[in-house]
Amino acid sequence: MKKSELLFNLAAIVSDIVMILLAGVSAFYLRFQLAEFRPILYDLALSDYVQVLFLVVPLIIMLLAFAGLYNLKGTRKISVELTKIFLAVSSGLLIIVILFFFNQTVFPSRLIILMSGLLTIVLVSLGRMILLFIQRRMLKRGIGLHRLVVIDPVAPHANIVEEIKARPELGYGIIATIKWEGDIDAMLQKLESIRSSEGIDELLLSNPYLPKEVSERLLAFCRDYNIRFNFVPDMFETARTNVGIETIAGTPMIVLKSTPLDGWGRFIKRFLDIGISFFGLIATSPIFLLTAIAIKLNDRGPVFFHQQRAAGLGSFECYKFRSMYHHMSEGTVSGDKMREEIEKKNSRVGPYVKIKNDPRVTTVGRIIRRTKIDELPQLWHILRGQMSLVGPRVHMVKEVDKFRSSYKKLFVIKPGATGLTQITQASEKPEISWEEEIKLDQFYIENWSLGLDLYIIFKTVLILLGHRPKVDY
């Protein structure tokens, strides 16, 4: 732990307390400004109100702590931090509302409770963003960086060194990289020399396939000198992130789960899908109408394009707004023949086809593809339960059949209208490789959480608004 990290976390606690009090007092005075529209039916002095606020502050601070916002982490992703603040303060607001229901002397006004909650989210988020901005400026100047040694950076993780060097906001400064040359004693001697001369805060073993003895000796070295040990897991170790303990006939069993989307996780995800897709269909109905008219005026033919897409171990008929000329669309004789010719110029290695400058796309089609309007009908599939709002990317059955038997794990959950693959492709690399897509989908399946879904939705909204935010997961 760096001293700067401790100072910033102490500053965060002070900032949060000040912002919570400021939000509460602001709501108190703002309530009087709204008296003309909603009469005040209580008599409460500011001093009495502040006393109540001081009782609320520890509750909100405790919830922020439970959310992991005081974990002494050097840097945190802004979007993740804002999501945690929203969830923590909303939970506190819910507790206060319940208390108000049973005892209205705790808070005299429901409107003050609501305004205090909203202002707390805004002001606490503002304070945190200011602190993160200052901290990242310091990190870019080399202040507070963790001294990191990377062991054997090989494919497919070779780019991790360049990524860390290019992004000081991650909080690391690489002081050395050591290649595995078959001699663990020589490697430990190099590490000891670096530790003695420069000091080591953390070590990263980026090759998950080194002999077991190497990992054990490196871990022992780190424990001896209080160095944080990080490693890139292999496939089995990744699977162990989802473990459970059950008892069968009195014998304890460790259960490896393929995904945390079990039980309540699946229920929460489905509830979110239904709510957002239902209101989304209502809100975007004018766009549906205008898009249908534009497609008809641009090219004769049906408004919608439909095709079998893979979902789970089966398939469903997926609808999108038609973006191609009707006579060139897939499913027609000329369209299928043209696609065969285009596939020969596939710009992407792997079973998925990525076509640049597709000649089959209409003028309206280019617009609705660029704005993602062509995918709005997927809200209907989400409502029906054939897709999810967030999940692995949906693909044509004939593409998936090329690797379905080898990667069955990718089909244990529904495909998503957006997901880690989709936002990564839009944000960083317009043509991510097939291998990268597989890894991103596996990561999502094995590490699903409500926070991850909210993060992906937040990034998707930014992309739709024309931004290209960095994907930090």
Protein backbone atom coordinates (compact mmCIF):
# COMPACT_ATOMS: atom_id res chain seq x y z
CA MET A 1 0.00 0.00 0.00
CA LYS A 2 1.36 3.38 -1.04
CA LYS A 3 1.16 6.37 1.27
CA SER A 4 -0.54 8.31 -1.52
CA GLU A 5 -3.27 5.64 -1.70
CA LEU A 6 -3.91 5.91 2.03
CA LEU A 7 -4.05 9.71 1.82
CA PHE A 8 -6.47 9.61 -1.11
CA ASN A 9 -8.76 7.16 0.67
CA LEU A 10 -8.76 9.33 3.80
CA ALA A 11 -9.50 12.31 1.57
CA ALA A 12 -12.34 10.31 -0.02
CA ILE A 13 -13.93 9.68 3.40
CA VAL A 14 -13.71 13.39 4.28
CA SER A 15 -15.05 14.36 0.85
CA ASP A 16 -17.96 11.93 1.13
CA ILE A 17 -18.94 13.23 4.59
CA VAL A 18 -18.81 16.86 3.43
CA MET A 19 -20.80 16.11 0.28
CA ILE A 20 -23.49 14.14 2.16
CA LEU A 21 -23.95 17.02 4.62
CA LEU A 22 -23.94 19.56 1.80
CA ALA A 23 -26.55 17.55 -0.10
CA GLY A 24 -28.77 17.30 2.98
CA VAL A 25 -28.57 21.01 3.81
CA SER A 26 -29.13 21.97 0.16
CA ALA A 27 -32.24 19.77 0.08
CA PHE A 28 -33.49 21.45 3.26
CA TYR A 29 -33.32 24.94 1.74
CA LEU A 30 -34.48 23.75 -1.67
CA ARG A 31 -37.63 22.38 -0.01
CA PHE A 32 -38.58 25.90 1.08
CA GLN A 33 -38.10 27.14 -2.48
CA LEU A 34 -40.71 24.61 -3.60
CA ALA A 35 -43.23 25.62 -0.93
CA GLU A 36 -45.21 27.57 -3.53
CA PHE A 37 -45.91 24.35 -5.44
CA ARG A 38 -46.09 21.93 -2.48
CA PRO A 39 -47.03 23.44 0.93
CA ILE A 40 -44.81 22.65 3.93
CA LEU A 41 -46.75 20.80 6.63
CA TYR A 42 -44.02 20.59 9.27
CA ASP A 43 -41.99 22.91 11.49
CA LEU A 44 -38.34 21.91 11.72
CA ALA A 45 -35.32 24.03 12.65
CA LEU A 46 -32.09 23.62 10.69
CA SER A 47 -30.21 22.64 13.89
CA ASP A 48 -32.61 19.75 14.53
CA TYR A 49 -32.41 18.69 10.90
CA VAL A 50 -28.58 18.68 10.96
CA GLN A 51 -28.67 16.40 14.01
CA VAL A 52 -30.69 13.92 11.95
CA LEU A 53 -28.18 14.29 9.11
CA PHE A 54 -25.30 13.38 11.42
CA LEU A 55 -27.12 10.12 12.18
CA VAL A 56 -27.55 9.40 8.47
CA VAL A 57 -23.91 10.10 7.50
CA PRO A 58 -22.45 6.96 9.20
CA LEU A 59 -25.08 4.82 7.45
CA ILE A 60 -24.15 6.14 3.99
CA ILE A 61 -20.41 5.89 4.73
CA MET A 62 -20.88 2.29 5.87
CA LEU A 63 -22.78 1.42 2.66
CA LEU A 64 -20.06 3.08 0.56
CA ALA A 65 -17.50 0.98 2.44
CA PHE A 66 -19.51 -2.22 1.81
CA ALA A 67 -19.54 -1.26 -1.88
CA GLY A 68 -15.73 -1.43 -1.86
CA LEU A 69 -15.10 2.30 -2.21
CA TYR A 70 -12.57 2.42 0.64
CA ASN A 71 -10.51 -0.61 -0.35
CA LEU A 72 -7.21 1.32 -0.67
CA LYS A 73 -7.08 0.54 -4.38
CA GLY A 74 -4.71 2.92 -6.13
CA THR A 75 -7.02 3.68 -9.03
CA ARG A 76 -10.57 2.77 -9.83
CA LYS A 77 -12.56 2.86 -13.03
CA ILE A 78 -14.77 5.96 -13.09
CA SER A 79 -17.81 4.15 -14.46
CA VAL A 80 -17.53 1.37 -11.87
CA GLU A 81 -17.08 3.90 -9.07
CA LEU A 82 -20.14 5.90 -10.14
CA THR A 83 -22.21 2.71 -10.34
CA LYS A 84 -21.18 1.70 -6.82
CA ILE A 85 -21.98 5.17 -5.48
CA PHE A 86 -25.44 5.04 -7.09
CA LEU A 87 -26.18 1.58 -5.66
CA ALA A 88 -24.85 2.41 -2.16
CA VAL A 89 -26.70 5.73 -1.83
CA SER A 90 -29.88 4.23 -3.30
CA SER A 91 -29.70 1.45 -0.70
CA GLY A 92 -29.33 4.07 2.03
CA LEU A 93 -32.27 5.98 0.59
CA LEU A 94 -34.38 2.82 0.68
CA ILE A 95 -33.49 2.21 4.35
CA ILE A 96 -34.43 5.80 5.23
CA VAL A 97 -37.74 5.48 3.37
CA ILE A 98 -38.53 2.31 5.36
CA LEU A 99 -37.69 4.13 8.61
CA PHE A 100 -39.89 7.05 7.50
CA PHE A 101 -42.77 4.64 6.91
CA PHE A 102 -42.64 3.38 10.49
CA ASN A 103 -41.60 6.65 12.17
CA GLN A 104 -42.18 9.92 10.32
CA THR A 105 -40.34 11.91 12.99
CA VAL A 106 -37.01 10.58 11.64
CA PHE A 107 -37.41 12.65 8.49
CA PRO A 108 -40.35 15.06 8.32
CA SER A 109 -40.64 15.15 4.51
CA ARG A 110 -40.58 12.52 1.77
CA LEU A 111 -39.57 15.20 -0.72
CA ILE A 112 -36.51 16.12 1.36
CA ILE A 113 -35.54 12.42 1.46
CA LEU A 114 -35.76 12.15 -2.32
CA MET A 115 -33.89 15.41 -3.00
CA SER A 116 -31.21 14.54 -0.42
CA GLY A 117 -30.66 11.15 -2.07
CA LEU A 118 -30.35 12.58 -5.57
CA LEU A 119 -28.08 15.42 -4.47
CA THR A 120 -25.92 12.98 -2.48
CA ILE A 121 -25.37 10.81 -5.57
CA VAL A 122 -24.43 13.86 -7.64
CA LEU A 123 -22.18 15.58 -5.07
CA VAL A 124 -20.42 12.43 -3.82
CA SER A 125 -19.77 11.44 -7.46
CA LEU A 126 -18.42 14.94 -8.17
CA GLY A 127 -16.07 14.79 -5.19
CA ARG A 128 -14.81 11.34 -6.18
CA MET A 129 -14.19 12.39 -9.79
CA ILE A 130 -12.16 15.39 -8.62
CA LEU A 131 -10.03 13.15 -6.40
CA LEU A 132 -9.57 10.60 -9.19
CA PHE A 133 -8.55 13.38 -11.59
CA ILE A 134 -5.91 14.63 -9.13
CA GLN A 135 -4.67 11.11 -8.42
CA ARG A 136 -4.35 10.24 -12.09
CA ARG A 137 -2.45 13.44 -12.77
CA MET A 138 -0.01 12.40 -10.04
CA LEU A 139 0.28 8.89 -11.46
CA LYS A 140 1.13 10.29 -14.91
CA ARG A 141 3.98 12.14 -13.20
CA GLY A 142 5.15 8.88 -11.65
CA ILE A 143 3.91 9.66 -8.13
CA GLY A 144 2.33 6.69 -6.36
CA LEU A 145 3.03 4.07 -9.04
CA HIS A 146 3.44 0.48 -7.87
CA ARG A 147 6.86 -0.88 -8.88
CA LEU A 148 5.96 -3.92 -10.98
CA VAL A 149 8.08 -6.78 -12.35
CA VAL A 150 6.53 -8.80 -15.19
CA ILE A 151 7.57 -12.43 -15.56
CA ASP A 152 7.67 -13.98 -19.04
CA PRO A 153 5.21 -11.86 -21.06
CA VAL A 154 4.35 -14.24 -23.93
CA ALA A 155 1.45 -14.51 -26.37
CA PRO A 156 -1.45 -14.03 -25.99
CA HIS A 157 -0.54 -11.74 -23.05
CA ALA A 158 2.56 -10.14 -24.57
CA ASN A 159 0.82 -6.81 -25.08
CA ILE A 160 0.21 -6.40 -21.37
CA VAL A 161 3.56 -4.62 -20.94
CA GLU A 162 2.77 -2.04 -23.62
CA GLU A 163 -0.74 -1.58 -22.22
CA ILE A 164 0.55 -0.87 -18.70
CA LYS A 165 3.23 1.52 -20.00
CA ALA A 166 0.68 3.39 -22.12
CA ARG A 167 -1.79 3.75 -19.25
CA PRO A 168 -0.16 5.07 -16.07
CA GLU A 169 -3.64 5.62 -14.63
CA LEU A 170 -3.68 1.86 -13.97
CA GLY A 171 -1.24 2.64 -11.15
CA TYR A 172 1.76 0.56 -12.23
CA GLY A 173 5.29 1.37 -13.28
CA ILE A 174 7.14 -1.56 -14.86
CA ILE A 175 10.69 -1.60 -13.58
CA ALA A 176 11.70 -4.89 -15.25
CA THR A 177 10.54 -7.78 -17.41
CA ILE A 178 12.17 -11.17 -16.94
CA LYS A 179 11.95 -13.97 -19.52
CA TRP A 180 11.78 -17.61 -18.50
CA GLU A 181 14.97 -19.34 -19.65
CA GLY A 182 14.53 -22.65 -17.87
CA ASP A 183 16.43 -21.80 -14.66
CA ILE A 184 14.32 -20.75 -11.66
CA ASP A 185 17.38 -20.07 -9.47
CA ALA A 186 18.77 -17.59 -12.02
CA MET A 187 15.37 -15.89 -12.21
CA LEU A 188 15.19 -15.56 -8.43
CA GLN A 189 18.70 -14.07 -8.38
CA LYS A 190 17.58 -11.40 -10.86
CA LEU A 191 14.53 -10.66 -8.74
CA GLU A 192 16.65 -10.38 -5.59
CA SER A 193 19.00 -7.97 -7.36
CA ILE A 194 16.08 -5.79 -8.49
CA ARG A 195 14.49 -5.89 -5.04
CA SER A 196 17.71 -4.84 -3.35
CA SER A 197 18.47 -1.99 -5.74
CA GLU A 198 15.04 -0.57 -6.64
CA GLY A 199 12.46 -2.35 -4.52
CA ILE A 200 9.48 -4.35 -5.80
CA ASP A 201 5.86 -3.71 -4.85
CA GLU A 202 4.18 -6.29 -7.08
CA LEU A 203 5.09 -9.17 -9.35
CA LEU A 204 3.02 -10.33 -12.33
CA LEU A 205 3.41 -13.86 -13.69
CA SER A 206 1.92 -13.42 -17.17
CA ASN A 207 2.61 -16.91 -18.52
CA PRO A 208 0.08 -19.36 -17.02
CA TYR A 209 1.82 -22.40 -18.50
CA LEU A 210 5.17 -22.29 -16.72
CA PRO A 211 6.07 -25.36 -14.61
CA LYS A 212 4.31 -25.56 -11.25
CA GLU A 213 7.63 -25.36 -9.40
CA VAL A 214 8.30 -21.93 -10.93
CA SER A 215 4.98 -20.53 -9.69
CA GLU A 216 5.52 -21.98 -6.21
CA ARG A 217 9.07 -20.58 -5.91
CA LEU A 218 7.96 -17.14 -7.13
CA LEU A 219 5.05 -17.14 -4.69
CA ALA A 220 7.39 -18.09 -1.84
CA PHE A 221 9.74 -15.24 -2.83
CA CYS A 222 6.86 -12.76 -2.78
CA ARG A 223 5.67 -13.96 0.62
CA ASP A 224 9.17 -13.69 2.07
CA TYR A 225 9.46 -10.02 1.05
CA ASN A 226 5.81 -8.95 1.37
CA ILE A 227 5.44 -8.47 -2.39
CA ARG A 228 1.99 -8.70 -3.94
CA PHE A 229 1.78 -11.69 -6.30
CA ASN A 230 -0.40 -11.46 -9.44
CA PHE A 231 -0.78 -14.12 -12.11
CA VAL A 232 -2.69 -14.67 -15.32
CA PRO A 233 -4.82 -17.79 -14.76
CA ASP A 234 -5.12 -20.73 -17.09
CA MET A 235 -8.57 -22.01 -18.10
CA PHE A 236 -9.03 -24.22 -15.03
CA GLU A 237 -7.97 -21.51 -12.62
CA THR A 238 -10.40 -19.12 -14.30
CA ALA A 239 -13.19 -21.61 -13.77
CA ARG A 240 -12.40 -21.66 -10.05
CA THR A 241 -13.60 -18.07 -9.69
CA ASN A 242 -17.14 -19.46 -9.47
CA VAL A 243 -17.01 -21.94 -6.61
CA GLY A 244 -19.59 -23.13 -4.18
CA ILE A 245 -19.56 -25.50 -1.21
CA GLU A 246 -22.31 -28.09 -0.83
CA THR A 247 -22.80 -31.06 1.42
CA ILE A 248 -23.89 -34.37 -0.07
CA ALA A 249 -24.65 -37.20 2.36
CA GLY A 250 -22.61 -35.41 5.01
CA THR A 251 -19.58 -35.01 2.76
CA PRO A 252 -18.50 -31.43 1.84
CA MET A 253 -18.10 -30.89 -1.89
CA ILE A 254 -16.49 -28.00 -3.79
CA VAL A 255 -18.63 -27.18 -6.83
CA LEU A 256 -17.19 -25.40 -9.87
CA LYS A 257 -19.95 -23.34 -11.49
CA SER A 258 -19.79 -22.38 -15.14
CA THR A 259 -21.30 -18.97 -14.42
CA PRO A 260 -22.57 -16.95 -11.44
CA LEU A 261 -25.81 -16.56 -13.42
CA ASP A 262 -27.57 -19.10 -11.26
CA GLY A 263 -30.64 -18.76 -9.09
CA TRP A 264 -31.22 -15.14 -8.12
CA GLY A 265 -28.62 -13.93 -10.60
CA ARG A 266 -30.64 -15.30 -13.51
CA PHE A 267 -33.88 -13.89 -12.02
CA ILE A 268 -32.40 -10.39 -11.57
CA LYS A 269 -31.00 -10.39 -15.11
CA ARG A 270 -34.35 -11.46 -16.58
CA PHE A 271 -36.23 -8.86 -14.52
CA LEU A 272 -33.88 -6.16 -15.85
CA ASP A 273 -34.33 -7.43 -19.41
CA ILE A 274 -38.13 -7.32 -19.22
CA GLY A 275 -38.26 -3.85 -17.68
CA ILE A 276 -35.81 -2.18 -20.06
CA SER A 277 -37.09 -3.89 -23.23
CA PHE A 278 -40.74 -3.13 -22.42
CA PHE A 279 -40.18 0.57 -21.81
CA GLY A 280 -37.60 0.68 -24.61
CA LEU A 281 -40.14 -0.55 -27.16
CA ILE A 282 -42.62 2.11 -26.05
CA ALA A 283 -40.03 4.92 -26.05
CA THR A 284 -38.60 4.01 -29.46
CA SER A 285 -41.92 3.37 -31.24
CA PRO A 286 -41.68 6.71 -33.15
CA ILE A 287 -38.19 5.69 -34.33
CA PHE A 288 -39.63 2.36 -35.53
CA LEU A 289 -42.21 4.21 -37.62
CA LEU A 290 -39.77 6.74 -39.12
CA THR A 291 -37.20 4.01 -39.89
CA ALA A 292 -39.82 1.86 -41.63
CA ILE A 293 -40.87 4.81 -43.82
CA ALA A 294 -37.24 5.66 -44.68
CA ILE A 295 -36.46 2.04 -45.66
CA LYS A 296 -39.53 1.86 -47.91
CA LEU A 297 -38.69 5.16 -49.63
CA ASN A 298 -35.07 4.16 -50.18
CA ASP A 299 -35.63 0.67 -51.59
CA ARG A 300 -38.67 -1.47 -52.29
CA GLY A 301 -38.99 -4.56 -50.22
CA PRO A 302 -39.78 -5.64 -46.66
CA VAL A 303 -38.96 -3.37 -43.71
CA PHE A 304 -37.48 -6.17 -41.64
CA PHE A 305 -34.72 -8.64 -42.39
CA HIS A 306 -34.89 -11.97 -40.56
CA GLN A 307 -32.41 -14.81 -40.24
CA GLN A 308 -31.72 -17.80 -38.02
CA ARG A 309 -29.34 -16.85 -35.21
CA ALA A 310 -27.75 -19.08 -32.59
CA ALA A 311 -29.08 -18.93 -29.02
CA GLY A 312 -27.94 -21.40 -26.40
CA LEU A 313 -27.65 -24.79 -28.07
CA GLY A 314 -30.58 -23.94 -30.37
CA SER A 315 -31.58 -21.03 -32.59
CA PHE A 316 -34.32 -18.45 -33.17
CA GLU A 317 -35.55 -16.26 -36.02
CA CYS A 318 -33.86 -12.90 -35.42
CA TYR A 319 -35.34 -9.70 -36.86
CA LYS A 320 -33.52 -6.48 -37.72
CA PHE A 321 -34.38 -3.44 -39.79
CA ARG A 322 -33.34 -4.21 -43.37
CA SER A 323 -30.18 -2.30 -44.26
CA MET A 324 -29.37 -3.99 -47.60
CA TYR A 325 -30.92 -3.74 -51.04
CA HIS A 326 -33.70 -6.32 -51.14
CA HIS A 327 -32.36 -8.20 -54.20
CA MET A 328 -28.94 -8.44 -52.52
CA SER A 329 -30.17 -9.54 -49.11
CA GLU A 330 -29.24 -12.95 -47.78
CA GLY A 331 -31.92 -15.51 -48.47
CA THR A 332 -32.31 -14.48 -52.10
CA VAL A 333 -30.47 -16.35 -54.89
CA SER A 334 -28.43 -13.33 -55.99
CA GLY A 335 -27.86 -12.25 -52.38
CA ASP A 336 -26.48 -15.62 -51.28
CA LYS A 337 -24.23 -15.79 -54.33
CA MET A 338 -22.89 -12.29 -53.65
CA ARG A 339 -22.20 -13.17 -50.00
CA GLU A 340 -20.13 -16.19 -51.07
CA GLU A 341 -17.99 -13.88 -53.18
CA ILE A 342 -17.65 -11.34 -50.38
CA GLU A 343 -16.72 -14.00 -47.82
CA LYS A 344 -13.64 -14.79 -49.88
CA LYS A 345 -12.43 -11.26 -48.99
CA ASN A 346 -13.11 -11.77 -45.31
CA SER A 347 -11.14 -9.10 -43.40
CA ARG A 348 -11.07 -11.20 -40.25
CA VAL A 349 -9.34 -14.47 -39.46
CA GLY A 350 -11.70 -17.03 -37.94
CA PRO A 351 -15.24 -18.34 -38.47
CA TYR A 352 -16.91 -14.92 -38.14
CA VAL A 353 -17.13 -12.82 -41.30
CA LYS A 354 -16.25 -9.13 -41.13
CA ILE A 355 -17.01 -7.25 -44.34
CA LYS A 356 -15.58 -3.81 -45.08
CA ASN A 357 -17.41 -1.33 -47.32
CA ASP A 358 -20.26 -3.78 -47.98
CA PRO A 359 -21.69 -2.92 -51.45
CA ARG A 360 -25.07 -4.43 -50.51
CA VAL A 361 -25.89 -1.72 -47.94
CA THR A 362 -28.33 1.04 -48.90
CA THR A 363 -27.93 4.74 -48.07
CA VAL A 364 -30.48 4.46 -45.26
CA GLY A 365 -28.85 1.19 -44.24
CA ARG A 366 -25.52 2.88 -43.61
CA ILE A 367 -27.20 5.42 -41.34
CA ILE A 368 -29.17 2.91 -39.29
CA ARG A 369 -26.13 0.63 -38.99
CA ARG A 370 -23.90 3.46 -37.83
CA THR A 371 -26.49 4.58 -35.24
CA LYS A 372 -27.40 0.96 -34.33
CA ILE A 373 -31.07 1.68 -35.13
CA ASP A 374 -31.13 -1.48 -37.27
CA GLU A 375 -30.81 -3.51 -34.05
CA LEU A 376 -33.78 -1.93 -32.23
CA PRO A 377 -36.09 -4.89 -33.09
CA GLN A 378 -33.86 -6.95 -30.77
CA LEU A 379 -35.80 -5.33 -27.91
CA TRP A 380 -38.68 -7.60 -28.94
CA HIS A 381 -36.47 -10.68 -28.73
CA ILE A 382 -35.24 -9.53 -25.30
CA LEU A 383 -38.83 -9.13 -24.08
CA ARG A 384 -39.70 -12.63 -25.35
CA GLY A 385 -36.65 -14.12 -23.62
CA GLN A 386 -34.82 -15.19 -26.79
CA MET A 387 -32.02 -12.70 -26.11
CA SER A 388 -30.74 -10.69 -23.17
CA LEU A 389 -29.87 -7.01 -22.99
CA VAL A 390 -26.25 -7.89 -22.16
CA GLY A 391 -24.47 -11.05 -23.21
CA PRO A 392 -22.23 -12.65 -25.84
CA ARG A 393 -22.71 -11.36 -29.38
CA VAL A 394 -25.42 -13.07 -31.43
CA HIS A 395 -24.18 -14.78 -34.63
CA MET A 396 -25.53 -16.60 -37.64
CA VAL A 397 -26.10 -20.31 -37.12
CA LYS A 398 -23.80 -21.29 -39.99
CA GLU A 399 -20.94 -19.30 -38.42
CA VAL A 400 -21.51 -20.77 -34.97
CA ASP A 401 -21.75 -24.34 -36.32
CA LYS A 402 -18.08 -24.08 -37.28
CA PHE A 403 -16.99 -24.00 -33.63
CA ARG A 404 -20.07 -24.79 -31.51
CA SER A 405 -18.78 -28.23 -30.50
CA SER A 406 -15.43 -26.80 -29.32
CA TYR A 407 -16.83 -23.85 -27.37
CA LYS A 408 -20.11 -25.09 -25.89
CA LYS A 409 -19.48 -22.91 -22.84
CA LEU A 410 -20.22 -19.78 -24.86
CA PHE A 411 -23.82 -20.92 -25.25
CA VAL A 412 -24.79 -21.50 -21.62
CA ILE A 413 -26.44 -18.05 -21.53
CA LYS A 414 -28.51 -16.05 -24.00
CA PRO A 415 -26.81 -13.80 -26.55
CA GLY A 416 -26.98 -10.07 -25.86
CA ALA A 417 -27.91 -6.93 -27.76
CA THR A 418 -24.75 -5.46 -26.23
CA GLY A 419 -21.84 -6.93 -24.31
CA LEU A 420 -18.12 -6.79 -23.61
CA THR A 421 -17.32 -7.84 -27.18
CA GLN A 422 -19.61 -5.22 -28.69
CA ILE A 423 -18.35 -2.27 -26.64
CA THR A 424 -14.70 -3.33 -27.03
CA GLN A 425 -15.08 -3.55 -30.79
CA ALA A 426 -16.76 -0.12 -30.91
CA SER A 427 -14.40 1.53 -28.40
CA GLU A 428 -10.90 0.29 -29.11
CA LYS A 429 -10.43 -2.09 -31.97
CA PRO A 430 -12.93 -2.00 -34.83
CA GLU A 431 -11.74 -5.45 -35.90
CA ILE A 432 -10.94 -7.45 -32.80
CA SER A 433 -9.81 -10.97 -33.57
CA TRP A 434 -11.97 -14.04 -33.21
CA GLU A 435 -9.73 -15.25 -30.35
CA GLU A 436 -10.23 -11.97 -28.47
CA GLU A 437 -13.99 -12.23 -28.89
CA ILE A 438 -13.95 -15.76 -27.45
CA LYS A 439 -11.94 -14.56 -24.43
CA LEU A 440 -14.24 -11.60 -23.79
CA ASP A 441 -17.34 -13.80 -23.96
CA GLN A 442 -15.77 -16.35 -21.62
CA PHE A 443 -14.80 -13.62 -19.17
CA TYR A 444 -18.35 -12.27 -19.13
CA ILE A 445 -19.91 -15.70 -18.58
CA GLU A 446 -17.52 -16.58 -15.75
CA ASN A 447 -17.55 -13.18 -14.04
CA TRP A 448 -21.12 -11.96 -14.50
CA SER A 449 -22.47 -9.50 -11.95
CA LEU A 450 -25.18 -6.85 -11.90
CA GLY A 451 -22.42 -4.23 -11.66
CA LEU A 452 -20.77 -5.61 -14.82
CA ASP A 453 -24.08 -5.43 -16.70
CA LEU A 454 -24.65 -1.82 -15.57
CA TYR A 455 -21.08 -0.95 -16.60
CA ILE A 456 -21.64 -2.39 -20.09
CA ILE A 457 -24.99 -0.59 -20.45
CA PHE A 458 -23.35 2.69 -19.37
CA LYS A 459 -20.53 2.27 -21.92
CA THR A 460 -23.06 1.35 -24.62
CA VAL A 461 -25.02 4.55 -24.01
CA LEU A 462 -21.81 6.59 -24.33
CA ILE A 463 -20.99 4.86 -27.62
CA LEU A 464 -24.50 5.52 -28.98
CA LEU A 465 -24.03 9.19 -28.07
CA GLY A 466 -20.93 9.30 -30.26
CA HIS A 467 -18.22 8.79 -27.64
CA ARG A 468 -15.57 6.06 -27.77
CA PRO A 469 -14.82 5.40 -24.08
CA LYS A 470 -11.97 3.12 -23.04
CA VAL A 471 -13.12 -0.32 -21.91
CA ASP A 472 -11.39 -1.02 -18.59
CA TYR A 473 -12.78 -4.41 -17.61
